[in-house]
Amino acid sequence: MASGRVATQAITQQDANATMRRAIHTQHHGSSDVDGAEGGATKTVVTTVKKHALVPVEETVKVPVVRKEVKRYKEKQVVKAQRLVPVQKFKEVTETTMEVRREMVNGRPEKRAVQVTKTRMQPYTDYVEEEYDVVVQVPKEEVVTRTGYRMDKHVTSKLMEIEEDHVYELRPVLVEKTGFRQKELCDHHVFKKEHGLPVWDDDAKNGWLGKPKTPLYKSHLHRPNSAASLGGVTMVSAVGRPRSGRGMQRSASHGTLQRPRTGM
């Protein structure tokens, strides 16, 4: 809500007409200050008419957004493995063979088979278990949070006051409308016009950080609910009365010309 009084800004009639075309709600009220001017044979009456118009203004708001993502990567791990290593060993082997020997029996040479036992070392291959380290790539996945933002479009209805000077002749008759001015009084109501697309950051954060709440935009303003009178604005007559008490008058509530009542 704008604080303090905003100075009136001079505008052209084209600017005033453009503001009224863009407005979604208008109301008129006039000023009680009436100036009389006399030039030559023509007398004129000048009154200032103010118009209140609700003009929708589109504004862009940056809103943070988050989403969950799966991060896939590989991690090196050392695994203990076993293998059999060949080892050469020896064992004792006893062999018995039959040998033929010549012996003298009763003075005669004879052949006899004799058992001969020999011991020798026999080589053989044995296997021994051995542990060793193996480096492997283990696939892993984890949840990460990607942050970003989106650009939402909100529409704020601004209450504009347009002033214009009406010049009347005698009756009074409107001669011209001059001195168009407008100023921004306050923000009347607000609503979101468009839900923007998210724009994600390049880097993701570890873990799930949670979803942030959408921030309130101008929480002091209400949403539009009806086409009734503008909130917080007091309306008066649209056109000031002439200095004389006779003639046509405007209703203070509707801004229409009415004849004065003469009594019952």
C-alpha atoms as a PDB file:
ATOM      1  CA  MET A   1       0.000   0.000   0.000  1.00  0.00           C
ATOM      2  CA  ALA A   2       1.429   3.361  -0.973  1.00  0.00           C
ATOM      3  CA  SER A   3       2.056   5.614   2.010  1.00  0.00           C
ATOM      4  CA  GLY A   4       1.451   9.363   1.896  1.00  0.00           C
ATOM      5  CA  ARG A   5      -0.179  11.400  -0.828  1.00  0.00           C
ATOM      6  CA  VAL A   6       1.128  11.008  -4.388  1.00  0.00           C
ATOM      7  CA  ALA A   7       1.495  14.149  -6.487  1.00  0.00           C
ATOM      8  CA  THR A   8      -0.802  14.523  -9.489  1.00  0.00           C
ATOM      9  CA  GLN A   9       0.902  14.083 -12.844  1.00  0.00           C
ATOM     10  CA  ALA A  10      -0.198  16.023 -15.913  1.00  0.00           C
ATOM     11  CA  ILE A  11      -1.205  13.807 -18.857  1.00  0.00           C
ATOM     12  CA  THR A  12      -2.834  14.259 -22.262  1.00  0.00           C
ATOM     13  CA  GLN A  13      -6.416  13.389 -23.181  1.00  0.00           C
ATOM     14  CA  GLN A  14      -5.131  10.403 -25.194  1.00  0.00           C
ATOM     15  CA  ASP A  15      -3.383   9.085 -22.077  1.00  0.00           C
ATOM     16  CA  ALA A  16      -6.566   9.553 -20.036  1.00  0.00           C
ATOM     17  CA  ASN A  17      -8.655   7.704 -22.634  1.00  0.00           C
ATOM     18  CA  ALA A  18      -6.099   4.876 -22.752  1.00  0.00           C
ATOM     19  CA  THR A  19      -6.219   4.513 -18.964  1.00  0.00           C
ATOM     20  CA  MET A  20     -10.015   4.361 -18.991  1.00  0.00           C
ATOM     21  CA  ARG A  21      -9.973   1.678 -21.711  1.00  0.00           C
ATOM     22  CA  ARG A  22      -7.586  -0.466 -19.683  1.00  0.00           C
ATOM     23  CA  ALA A  23      -9.620  -0.046 -16.480  1.00  0.00           C
ATOM     24  CA  ILE A  24     -11.775  -2.910 -15.200  1.00  0.00           C
ATOM     25  CA  HIS A  25     -13.875  -0.712 -12.855  1.00  0.00           C
ATOM     26  CA  THR A  26     -14.538   3.053 -12.931  1.00  0.00           C
ATOM     27  CA  GLN A  27     -16.339   5.557 -10.702  1.00  0.00           C
ATOM     28  CA  HIS A  28     -16.688   9.317 -10.930  1.00  0.00           C
ATOM     29  CA  HIS A  29     -16.887  12.062  -8.354  1.00  0.00           C
ATOM     30  CA  GLY A  30     -16.586  15.792  -8.749  1.00  0.00           C
ATOM     31  CA  SER A  31     -14.921  18.607  -6.846  1.00  0.00           C
ATOM     32  CA  SER A  32     -16.888  21.279  -4.966  1.00  0.00           C
ATOM     33  CA  ASP A  33     -14.408  23.958  -6.061  1.00  0.00           C
ATOM     34  CA  VAL A  34     -16.103  25.934  -8.854  1.00  0.00           C
ATOM     35  CA  ASP A  35     -14.272  28.781 -10.571  1.00  0.00           C
ATOM     36  CA  GLY A  36     -16.183  31.382 -12.585  1.00  0.00           C
ATOM     37  CA  ALA A  37     -14.455  33.062 -15.496  1.00  0.00           C
ATOM     38  CA  GLU A  38     -15.837  35.822 -17.691  1.00  0.00           C
ATOM     39  CA  GLY A  39     -14.276  36.684 -21.007  1.00  0.00           C
ATOM     40  CA  GLY A  40     -16.009  39.132 -23.327  1.00  0.00           C
ATOM     41  CA  ALA A  41     -19.740  38.386 -23.523  1.00  0.00           C
ATOM     42  CA  THR A  42     -19.384  34.706 -22.545  1.00  0.00           C
ATOM     43  CA  LYS A  43     -19.410  33.509 -18.927  1.00  0.00           C
ATOM     44  CA  THR A  44     -17.993  30.106 -18.161  1.00  0.00           C
ATOM     45  CA  VAL A  45     -17.916  27.870 -15.106  1.00  0.00           C
ATOM     46  CA  VAL A  46     -14.970  25.474 -14.581  1.00  0.00           C
ATOM     47  CA  THR A  47     -15.246  22.432 -12.324  1.00  0.00           C
ATOM     48  CA  THR A  48     -12.804  19.606 -11.731  1.00  0.00           C
ATOM     49  CA  VAL A  49     -14.072  16.050 -12.171  1.00  0.00           C
ATOM     50  CA  LYS A  50     -12.131  13.131 -10.756  1.00  0.00           C
ATOM     51  CA  LYS A  51     -12.420   9.575 -12.017  1.00  0.00           C
ATOM     52  CA  HIS A  52     -11.304   6.520 -10.105  1.00  0.00           C
ATOM     53  CA  ALA A  53     -10.307   3.596 -12.289  1.00  0.00           C
ATOM     54  CA  LEU A  54      -9.012   0.136 -11.442  1.00  0.00           C
ATOM     55  CA  VAL A  55      -6.226  -0.574 -13.909  1.00  0.00           C
ATOM     56  CA  PRO A  56      -4.763  -4.123 -13.953  1.00  0.00           C
ATOM     57  CA  VAL A  57      -0.961  -4.091 -13.899  1.00  0.00           C
ATOM     58  CA  GLU A  58       0.942  -7.286 -14.647  1.00  0.00           C
ATOM     59  CA  GLU A  59       3.982  -7.945 -12.454  1.00  0.00           C
ATOM     60  CA  THR A  60       6.557 -10.758 -12.558  1.00  0.00           C
ATOM     61  CA  VAL A  61       7.589 -12.495  -9.329  1.00  0.00           C
ATOM     62  CA  LYS A  62      10.529 -14.886  -8.930  1.00  0.00           C
ATOM     63  CA  VAL A  63       9.511 -17.992  -6.941  1.00  0.00           C
ATOM     64  CA  PRO A  64      11.973 -20.687  -5.777  1.00  0.00           C
ATOM     65  CA  VAL A  65      11.250 -24.297  -6.792  1.00  0.00           C
ATOM     66  CA  VAL A  66      12.829 -27.665  -5.955  1.00  0.00           C
ATOM     67  CA  ARG A  67      12.561 -31.206  -7.236  1.00  0.00           C
ATOM     68  CA  LYS A  68      13.967 -34.653  -6.405  1.00  0.00           C
ATOM     69  CA  GLU A  69      16.480 -36.264  -8.709  1.00  0.00           C
ATOM     70  CA  VAL A  70      18.376 -39.571  -8.711  1.00  0.00           C
ATOM     71  CA  LYS A  71      22.147 -39.217  -8.843  1.00  0.00           C
ATOM     72  CA  ARG A  72      23.865 -42.264 -10.358  1.00  0.00           C
ATOM     73  CA  TYR A  73      27.595 -42.805  -9.961  1.00  0.00           C
ATOM     74  CA  LYS A  74      30.221 -45.510  -9.431  1.00  0.00           C
ATOM     75  CA  GLU A  75      32.374 -45.921  -6.362  1.00  0.00           C
ATOM     76  CA  LYS A  76      35.636 -47.831  -6.012  1.00  0.00           C
ATOM     77  CA  GLN A  77      35.646 -50.549  -3.365  1.00  0.00           C
ATOM     78  CA  VAL A  78      38.314 -53.091  -2.361  1.00  0.00           C
ATOM     79  CA  VAL A  79      37.090 -56.693  -2.164  1.00  0.00           C
ATOM     80  CA  LYS A  80      39.016 -59.558  -0.532  1.00  0.00           C
ATOM     81  CA  ALA A  81      39.440 -62.509  -2.909  1.00  0.00           C
ATOM     82  CA  GLN A  82      41.035 -65.965  -2.599  1.00  0.00           C
ATOM     83  CA  ARG A  83      43.152 -67.951  -4.997  1.00  0.00           C
ATOM     84  CA  LEU A  84      45.120 -71.268  -4.914  1.00  0.00           C
ATOM     85  CA  VAL A  85      48.852 -70.991  -5.402  1.00  0.00           C
ATOM     86  CA  PRO A  86      50.779 -74.124  -6.524  1.00  0.00           C
ATOM     87  CA  VAL A  87      53.643 -75.184  -4.172  1.00  0.00           C
ATOM     88  CA  GLN A  88      56.156 -77.980  -4.854  1.00  0.00           C
ATOM     89  CA  LYS A  89      56.671 -80.416  -1.947  1.00  0.00           C
ATOM     90  CA  PHE A  90      58.534 -83.720  -1.350  1.00  0.00           C
ATOM     91  CA  LYS A  91      57.517 -86.933   0.388  1.00  0.00           C
ATOM     92  CA  GLU A  92      59.348 -90.104   1.265  1.00  0.00           C
ATOM     93  CA  VAL A  93      58.588 -93.100  -0.932  1.00  0.00           C
ATOM     94  CA  THR A  94      59.749 -96.650  -0.063  1.00  0.00           C
ATOM     95  CA  GLU A  95      60.235 -98.947  -3.028  1.00  0.00           C
ATOM     96  CA  THR A  96      60.865-102.657  -2.928  1.00  0.00           C
ATOM     97  CA  THR A  97      62.382-104.297  -5.997  1.00  0.00           C
ATOM     98  CA  MET A  98      63.551-107.774  -6.816  1.00  0.00           C
ATOM     99  CA  GLU A  99      67.164-108.076  -7.814  1.00  0.00           C
ATOM    100  CA  VAL A 100      68.777-111.163  -9.267  1.00  0.00           C
ATOM    101  CA  ARG A 101      72.055-112.046  -7.569  1.00  0.00           C
ATOM    102  CA  ARG A 102      74.538-114.864  -8.144  1.00  0.00           C
ATOM    103  CA  GLU A 103      75.314-116.819  -5.030  1.00  0.00           C
ATOM    104  CA  MET A 104      77.447-119.928  -4.354  1.00  0.00           C
ATOM    105  CA  VAL A 105      75.277-122.727  -3.115  1.00  0.00           C
ATOM    106  CA  ASN A 106      77.029-126.032  -2.313  1.00  0.00           C
ATOM    107  CA  GLY A 107      79.990-124.945  -4.324  1.00  0.00           C
ATOM    108  CA  ARG A 108      77.887-124.160  -7.317  1.00  0.00           C
ATOM    109  CA  PRO A 109      76.968-120.653  -8.584  1.00  0.00           C
ATOM    110  CA  GLU A 110      73.257-120.125  -8.610  1.00  0.00           C
ATOM    111  CA  LYS A 111      70.952-117.205  -9.235  1.00  0.00           C
ATOM    112  CA  ARG A 112      68.668-116.015  -6.463  1.00  0.00           C
ATOM    113  CA  ALA A 113      65.982-113.259  -6.449  1.00  0.00           C
ATOM    114  CA  VAL A 114      66.524-110.928  -3.515  1.00  0.00           C
ATOM    115  CA  GLN A 115      64.164-108.179  -2.326  1.00  0.00           C
ATOM    116  CA  VAL A 116      65.850-104.741  -2.177  1.00  0.00           C
ATOM    117  CA  THR A 117      64.104-101.876  -0.308  1.00  0.00           C
ATOM    118  CA  LYS A 118      65.059 -98.286  -1.170  1.00  0.00           C
ATOM    119  CA  THR A 119      63.773 -94.947   0.156  1.00  0.00           C
ATOM    120  CA  ARG A 120      63.684 -91.811  -2.038  1.00  0.00           C
ATOM    121  CA  MET A 121      62.102 -88.278  -1.968  1.00  0.00           C
ATOM    122  CA  GLN A 122      59.205 -88.016  -4.444  1.00  0.00           C
ATOM    123  CA  PRO A 123      58.305 -84.433  -5.565  1.00  0.00           C
ATOM    124  CA  TYR A 124      54.596 -83.470  -5.835  1.00  0.00           C
ATOM    125  CA  THR A 125      52.527 -80.262  -6.311  1.00  0.00           C
ATOM    126  CA  ASP A 126      50.287 -78.951  -3.560  1.00  0.00           C
ATOM    127  CA  TYR A 127      47.973 -75.835  -3.494  1.00  0.00           C
ATOM    128  CA  VAL A 128      47.836 -73.168  -0.781  1.00  0.00           C
ATOM    129  CA  GLU A 129      45.013 -70.585  -0.307  1.00  0.00           C
ATOM    130  CA  GLU A 130      46.110 -66.963  -0.645  1.00  0.00           C
ATOM    131  CA  GLU A 131      44.055 -63.760  -0.109  1.00  0.00           C
ATOM    132  CA  TYR A 132      44.476 -60.735  -2.362  1.00  0.00           C
ATOM    133  CA  ASP A 133      42.697 -57.374  -2.933  1.00  0.00           C
ATOM    134  CA  VAL A 134      40.511 -56.682  -5.959  1.00  0.00           C
ATOM    135  CA  VAL A 135      39.371 -53.113  -6.797  1.00  0.00           C
ATOM    136  CA  VAL A 136      35.861 -53.065  -8.300  1.00  0.00           C
ATOM    137  CA  GLN A 137      33.500 -50.289  -9.500  1.00  0.00           C
ATOM    138  CA  VAL A 138      30.233 -50.497  -7.538  1.00  0.00           C
ATOM    139  CA  PRO A 139      27.204 -48.642  -9.030  1.00  0.00           C
ATOM    140  CA  LYS A 140      25.330 -46.465  -6.515  1.00  0.00           C
ATOM    141  CA  GLU A 141      22.288 -44.186  -6.533  1.00  0.00           C
ATOM    142  CA  GLU A 142      21.192 -41.462  -4.125  1.00  0.00           C
ATOM    143  CA  VAL A 143      18.476 -38.798  -3.923  1.00  0.00           C
ATOM    144  CA  VAL A 144      19.570 -35.208  -4.520  1.00  0.00           C
ATOM    145  CA  THR A 145      17.674 -31.926  -4.533  1.00  0.00           C
ATOM    146  CA  ARG A 146      17.801 -29.647  -7.534  1.00  0.00           C
ATOM    147  CA  THR A 147      16.859 -26.052  -6.856  1.00  0.00           C
ATOM    148  CA  GLY A 148      15.689 -23.452  -9.298  1.00  0.00           C
ATOM    149  CA  TYR A 149      13.098 -20.787  -9.797  1.00  0.00           C
ATOM    150  CA  ARG A 150      10.091 -19.941 -11.880  1.00  0.00           C
ATOM    151  CA  MET A 151       8.724 -16.594 -12.944  1.00  0.00           C
ATOM    152  CA  ASP A 152       5.084 -16.182 -11.895  1.00  0.00           C
ATOM    153  CA  LYS A 153       2.922 -13.429 -13.287  1.00  0.00           C
ATOM    154  CA  HIS A 154       0.648 -11.591 -10.863  1.00  0.00           C
ATOM    155  CA  VAL A 155      -1.908  -8.961 -11.705  1.00  0.00           C
ATOM    156  CA  THR A 156      -2.308  -6.059  -9.289  1.00  0.00           C
ATOM    157  CA  SER A 157      -5.290  -3.785  -9.780  1.00  0.00           C
ATOM    158  CA  LYS A 158      -4.020  -0.256  -9.175  1.00  0.00           C
ATOM    159  CA  LEU A 159      -6.505   2.425  -8.227  1.00  0.00           C
ATOM    160  CA  MET A 160      -5.852   5.400 -10.515  1.00  0.00           C
ATOM    161  CA  GLU A 161      -7.353   8.864 -10.069  1.00  0.00           C
ATOM    162  CA  ILE A 162      -7.858  10.881 -13.247  1.00  0.00           C
ATOM    163  CA  GLU A 163      -8.687  14.555 -12.963  1.00  0.00           C
ATOM    164  CA  GLU A 164     -10.129  16.629 -15.748  1.00  0.00           C
ATOM    165  CA  ASP A 165     -11.437  20.195 -15.843  1.00  0.00           C
ATOM    166  CA  HIS A 166     -14.948  20.628 -17.272  1.00  0.00           C
ATOM    167  CA  VAL A 167     -15.791  24.078 -18.647  1.00  0.00           C
ATOM    168  CA  TYR A 168     -19.507  24.980 -18.741  1.00  0.00           C
ATOM    169  CA  GLU A 169     -21.463  27.939 -20.087  1.00  0.00           C
ATOM    170  CA  LEU A 170     -24.190  29.529 -17.962  1.00  0.00           C
ATOM    171  CA  ARG A 171     -26.655  26.565 -17.840  1.00  0.00           C
ATOM    172  CA  PRO A 172     -23.924  25.133 -17.438  1.00  0.00           C
ATOM    173  CA  VAL A 173     -22.959  23.784 -20.875  1.00  0.00           C
ATOM    174  CA  LEU A 174     -19.842  21.656 -21.174  1.00  0.00           C
ATOM    175  CA  VAL A 175     -17.374  23.424 -23.449  1.00  0.00           C
ATOM    176  CA  GLU A 176     -14.319  21.253 -23.204  1.00  0.00           C
ATOM    177  CA  LYS A 177     -12.405  18.865 -21.027  1.00  0.00           C
ATOM    178  CA  THR A 178      -8.873  20.030 -20.226  1.00  0.00           C
ATOM    179  CA  GLY A 179      -6.094  19.470 -17.741  1.00  0.00           C
ATOM    180  CA  PHE A 180      -6.188  15.706 -17.654  1.00  0.00           C
ATOM    181  CA  ARG A 181      -4.195  14.357 -14.712  1.00  0.00           C
ATOM    182  CA  GLN A 182      -3.815  11.040 -13.044  1.00  0.00           C
ATOM    183  CA  LYS A 183      -2.040   9.620 -10.028  1.00  0.00           C
ATOM    184  CA  GLU A 184      -1.634   6.222  -8.481  1.00  0.00           C
ATOM    185  CA  LEU A 185      -3.558   6.033  -5.199  1.00  0.00           C
ATOM    186  CA  CYS A 186      -2.992   2.496  -3.963  1.00  0.00           C
ATOM    187  CA  ASP A 187      -3.014  -1.212  -4.830  1.00  0.00           C
ATOM    188  CA  HIS A 188      -6.608  -2.477  -4.640  1.00  0.00           C
ATOM    189  CA  HIS A 189      -6.436  -6.254  -5.108  1.00  0.00           C
ATOM    190  CA  VAL A 190      -4.052  -8.829  -6.510  1.00  0.00           C
ATOM    191  CA  PHE A 191      -4.217 -12.283  -8.052  1.00  0.00           C
ATOM    192  CA  LYS A 192      -1.856 -14.638  -9.843  1.00  0.00           C
ATOM    193  CA  LYS A 193      -2.294 -14.457 -13.612  1.00  0.00           C
ATOM    194  CA  GLU A 194       0.136 -17.135 -14.763  1.00  0.00           C
ATOM    195  CA  HIS A 195       2.102 -19.982 -13.170  1.00  0.00           C
ATOM    196  CA  GLY A 196       5.650 -19.632 -14.550  1.00  0.00           C
ATOM    197  CA  LEU A 197       7.850 -22.471 -15.739  1.00  0.00           C
ATOM    198  CA  PRO A 198      10.649 -23.538 -13.350  1.00  0.00           C
ATOM    199  CA  VAL A 199      14.255 -22.716 -14.189  1.00  0.00           C
ATOM    200  CA  TRP A 200      16.580 -25.219 -12.530  1.00  0.00           C
ATOM    201  CA  ASP A 201      20.050 -24.566 -11.128  1.00  0.00           C
ATOM    202  CA  ASP A 202      23.065 -26.284 -12.693  1.00  0.00           C
ATOM    203  CA  ASP A 203      24.233 -27.813  -9.392  1.00  0.00           C
ATOM    204  CA  ALA A 204      22.143 -30.194  -7.276  1.00  0.00           C
ATOM    205  CA  LYS A 205      22.326 -30.378  -3.477  1.00  0.00           C
ATOM    206  CA  ASN A 206      22.826 -33.663  -1.636  1.00  0.00           C
ATOM    207  CA  GLY A 207      19.756 -35.210  -0.071  1.00  0.00           C
ATOM    208  CA  TRP A 208      16.155 -34.029  -0.192  1.00  0.00           C
ATOM    209  CA  LEU A 209      15.886 -30.538   1.280  1.00  0.00           C
ATOM    210  CA  GLY A 210      12.102 -30.366   1.180  1.00  0.00           C
ATOM    211  CA  LYS A 211       9.702 -28.307  -0.904  1.00  0.00           C
ATOM    212  CA  PRO A 212       9.571 -24.595   0.006  1.00  0.00           C
ATOM    213  CA  LYS A 213       6.270 -22.813   0.334  1.00  0.00           C
ATOM    214  CA  THR A 214       5.319 -20.413  -2.423  1.00  0.00           C
ATOM    215  CA  PRO A 215       5.872 -16.929  -0.942  1.00  0.00           C
ATOM    216  CA  LEU A 216       2.853 -14.668  -0.568  1.00  0.00           C
ATOM    217  CA  TYR A 217       2.858 -11.712  -2.897  1.00  0.00           C
ATOM    218  CA  LYS A 218       1.385  -8.522  -1.444  1.00  0.00           C
ATOM    219  CA  SER A 219      -0.406 -10.381   1.326  1.00  0.00           C
ATOM    220  CA  HIS A 220      -2.081  -7.169   2.533  1.00  0.00           C
ATOM    221  CA  LEU A 221      -4.230  -7.079  -0.638  1.00  0.00           C
ATOM    222  CA  HIS A 222      -7.387  -9.178  -1.123  1.00  0.00           C
ATOM    223  CA  ARG A 223      -8.489 -11.064  -4.230  1.00  0.00           C
ATOM    224  CA  PRO A 224     -11.158  -9.458  -6.456  1.00  0.00           C
ATOM    225  CA  ASN A 225     -14.605 -10.603  -5.289  1.00  0.00           C
ATOM    226  CA  SER A 226     -17.277  -8.338  -6.811  1.00  0.00           C
ATOM    227  CA  ALA A 227     -17.929  -5.306  -9.002  1.00  0.00           C
ATOM    228  CA  ALA A 228     -19.138  -3.219  -6.072  1.00  0.00           C
ATOM    229  CA  SER A 229     -17.720   0.141  -5.053  1.00  0.00           C
ATOM    230  CA  LEU A 230     -13.983   0.452  -4.703  1.00  0.00           C
ATOM    231  CA  GLY A 231     -12.760  -0.456  -1.248  1.00  0.00           C
ATOM    232  CA  GLY A 232     -11.619   2.470   0.913  1.00  0.00           C
ATOM    233  CA  VAL A 233     -12.733   5.175  -1.602  1.00  0.00           C
ATOM    234  CA  THR A 234     -15.427   7.751  -0.834  1.00  0.00           C
ATOM    235  CA  MET A 235     -17.460   8.901  -3.824  1.00  0.00           C
ATOM    236  CA  VAL A 236     -18.961  12.396  -4.177  1.00  0.00           C
ATOM    237  CA  SER A 237     -20.864  14.125  -6.918  1.00  0.00           C
ATOM    238  CA  ALA A 238     -19.445  13.816 -10.434  1.00  0.00           C
ATOM    239  CA  VAL A 239     -19.990  17.454 -11.428  1.00  0.00           C
ATOM    240  CA  GLY A 240     -19.921  20.536  -9.194  1.00  0.00           C
ATOM    241  CA  ARG A 241     -23.096  22.559  -8.852  1.00  0.00           C
ATOM    242  CA  PRO A 242     -23.313  26.039 -10.459  1.00  0.00           C
ATOM    243  CA  ARG A 243     -23.130  29.021  -8.173  1.00  0.00           C
ATOM    244  CA  SER A 244     -26.893  29.609  -8.520  1.00  0.00           C
ATOM    245  CA  GLY A 245     -29.256  27.236  -6.695  1.00  0.00           C
ATOM    246  CA  ARG A 246     -31.400  26.690  -9.793  1.00  0.00           C
ATOM    247  CA  GLY A 247     -30.976  24.421 -12.777  1.00  0.00           C
ATOM    248  CA  MET A 248     -29.923  20.804 -13.254  1.00  0.00           C
ATOM    249  CA  GLN A 249     -28.012  19.023 -10.436  1.00  0.00           C
ATOM    250  CA  ARG A 250     -26.079  15.730 -10.254  1.00  0.00           C
ATOM    251  CA  SER A 251     -26.870  12.999  -7.800  1.00  0.00           C
ATOM    252  CA  ALA A 252     -24.007  12.456  -5.297  1.00  0.00           C
ATOM    253  CA  SER A 253     -24.383   8.658  -5.408  1.00  0.00           C
ATOM    254  CA  HIS A 254     -24.959   7.999  -9.132  1.00  0.00           C
ATOM    255  CA  GLY A 255     -23.448  11.070 -10.851  1.00  0.00           C
ATOM    256  CA  THR A 256     -26.601  11.620 -13.033  1.00  0.00           C
ATOM    257  CA  LEU A 257     -28.356  14.925 -13.796  1.00  0.00           C
ATOM    258  CA  GLN A 258     -31.586  15.469 -11.803  1.00  0.00           C
ATOM    259  CA  ARG A 259     -33.999  18.332 -11.419  1.00  0.00           C
ATOM    260  CA  PRO A 260     -34.145  19.901  -7.941  1.00  0.00           C
ATOM    261  CA  ARG A 261     -37.208  18.963  -5.914  1.00  0.00           C
ATOM    262  CA  THR A 262     -39.742  21.794  -5.410  1.00  0.00           C
ATOM    263  CA  GLY A 263     -41.542  20.154  -2.516  1.00  0.00           C
ATOM    264  CA  MET A 264     -44.717  18.116  -2.210  1.00  0.00           C
END
